[in-house]
Amino acid sequence: MGRPKNIKNQTRDQMKALGVYKPEFEPIIEVYAQLREQYKVLTERFIASNYDIEETTNTGSKKAPIVTTLESLRKDILAYATQLGLTPQGLLKADEDAFKQKKKSKLSEMLKGLDGR
């Protein structure tokens, strides 16, 4: 799979630009890249089907399975992107966490100064 590597590199570059990349995130980046690749392939198939959103069955019409799969992939991709700090909400959360860590370290330094260490 050559394309997920490109997606992985793109994701890494985006995370580095936002200042949220850590090597420990590589397994999650891998899954995120696979989800995006699956989404891309299925979207191409959906377009090729002329956006056929319904399927006829013995009991009538129902939503085409590819539509359901694309909807599910969209939700999963958004969830992973948020966790990786690649959405506004995810980036805000990452910044809050970084602020909390900095705040704790300053307090810790002040307390160390009070007890003579």
Protein backbone atom coordinates (compact mmCIF):
# COMPACT_ATOMS: atom_id res chain seq x y z
CA MET A 1 0.00 0.00 0.00
CA GLY A 2 1.93 2.98 -1.27
CA ARG A 3 -0.69 5.65 -0.73
CA PRO A 4 -1.16 5.30 3.03
CA LYS A 5 2.54 6.10 3.40
CA ASN A 6 1.88 9.39 1.60
CA ILE A 7 -1.08 10.03 3.86
CA LYS A 8 1.07 9.13 6.88
CA ASN A 9 3.78 11.56 5.77
CA GLN A 10 1.20 14.27 5.12
CA THR A 11 -0.37 13.67 8.54
CA ARG A 12 3.02 13.78 10.27
CA ASP A 13 3.91 17.02 8.47
CA GLN A 14 0.59 18.60 9.46
CA MET A 15 1.02 17.56 13.08
CA LYS A 16 4.58 18.88 13.16
CA ALA A 17 3.43 22.20 11.69
CA LEU A 18 0.80 22.44 14.44
CA GLY A 19 3.31 21.42 17.12
CA VAL A 20 1.36 18.34 18.24
CA TYR A 21 3.44 15.50 16.74
CA LYS A 22 5.07 12.88 18.94
CA PRO A 23 6.61 9.62 17.72
CA GLU A 24 4.39 7.75 20.19
CA PHE A 25 1.39 8.63 17.97
CA GLU A 26 2.67 6.52 15.05
CA PRO A 27 0.25 3.59 15.61
CA ILE A 28 -2.72 5.97 15.60
CA ILE A 29 -1.36 7.78 12.56
CA GLU A 30 -1.14 4.38 10.82
CA VAL A 31 -4.82 3.60 11.51
CA TYR A 32 -5.86 7.13 10.50
CA ALA A 33 -3.98 6.78 7.20
CA GLN A 34 -5.64 3.41 6.51
CA LEU A 35 -9.09 4.89 7.18
CA ARG A 36 -8.41 7.79 4.83
CA GLU A 37 -7.19 5.40 2.13
CA GLN A 38 -10.32 3.25 2.48
CA TYR A 39 -12.47 6.38 2.30
CA LYS A 40 -10.69 7.52 -0.85
CA VAL A 41 -11.14 4.16 -2.60
CA LEU A 42 -14.81 3.86 -1.63
CA THR A 43 -15.52 7.45 -2.64
CA GLU A 44 -14.06 6.73 -6.09
CA ARG A 45 -16.34 3.67 -6.36
CA PHE A 46 -19.34 5.70 -5.20
CA ILE A 47 -18.64 8.36 -7.84
CA ALA A 48 -18.22 5.63 -10.48
CA SER A 49 -21.65 4.28 -9.50
CA ASN A 50 -23.08 7.70 -10.37
CA TYR A 51 -23.80 8.31 -6.68
CA ASP A 52 -26.22 5.41 -6.46
CA ILE A 53 -27.54 5.88 -2.92
CA GLU A 54 -30.28 3.26 -2.95
CA GLU A 55 -30.37 -0.44 -3.57
CA THR A 56 -33.47 -2.39 -4.51
CA THR A 57 -34.22 -5.51 -2.47
CA ASN A 58 -37.11 -7.97 -2.29
CA THR A 59 -38.72 -5.81 0.39
CA GLY A 60 -38.19 -2.48 -1.36
CA SER A 61 -35.42 0.13 -1.46
CA LYS A 62 -32.75 0.64 1.14
CA LYS A 63 -29.62 2.69 1.54
CA ALA A 64 -26.72 1.29 -0.48
CA PRO A 65 -24.09 -0.41 1.72
CA ILE A 66 -21.36 1.83 0.32
CA VAL A 67 -23.21 4.90 1.63
CA THR A 68 -23.40 3.43 5.13
CA THR A 69 -19.72 2.51 5.00
CA LEU A 70 -18.72 5.99 3.84
CA GLU A 71 -20.76 7.57 6.64
CA SER A 72 -19.07 5.34 9.19
CA LEU A 73 -15.61 6.06 7.79
CA ARG A 74 -16.28 9.81 7.89
CA LYS A 75 -17.12 9.62 11.58
CA ASP A 76 -14.07 7.48 12.34
CA ILE A 77 -11.74 9.74 10.35
CA LEU A 78 -13.06 12.80 12.17
CA ALA A 79 -12.61 11.10 15.55
CA TYR A 80 -9.01 10.13 14.77
CA ALA A 81 -8.22 13.56 13.28
CA THR A 82 -9.53 15.16 16.47
CA GLN A 83 -7.42 12.87 18.65
CA LEU A 84 -4.34 13.72 16.58
CA GLY A 85 -4.97 17.47 16.94
CA LEU A 86 -5.81 17.93 13.26
CA THR A 87 -9.18 19.63 13.79
CA PRO A 88 -9.86 22.96 15.49
CA GLN A 89 -11.44 21.14 18.46
CA GLY A 90 -8.56 18.67 18.67
CA LEU A 91 -5.97 21.41 18.46
CA LEU A 92 -7.73 23.40 21.15
CA LYS A 93 -7.75 20.33 23.41
CA ALA A 94 -4.04 19.74 22.75
CA ASP A 95 -3.28 23.37 23.62
CA GLU A 96 -5.32 23.10 26.84
CA ASP A 97 -3.42 19.97 27.85
CA ALA A 98 -0.09 21.66 27.14
CA PHE A 99 -1.19 24.69 29.19
CA LYS A 100 -2.18 22.47 32.12
CA GLN A 101 1.21 20.76 32.06
CA LYS A 102 3.05 24.09 31.98
CA LYS A 103 0.89 25.44 34.77
CA LYS A 104 1.64 22.44 36.98
CA SER A 105 5.37 22.75 36.42
CA LYS A 106 5.39 26.44 37.45
CA LEU A 107 3.47 25.65 40.62
CA SER A 108 5.85 22.81 41.34
CA GLU A 109 8.82 25.15 40.97
CA MET A 110 7.27 27.66 43.38
CA LEU A 111 6.60 25.00 45.97
CA LYS A 112 10.16 23.73 45.68
CA GLY A 113 11.39 27.24 46.44
CA LEU A 114 9.32 27.43 49.62
CA ASP A 115 10.68 24.30 51.25
CA GLY A 116 14.32 25.19 50.55
CA ARG A 117 15.10 22.55 47.90
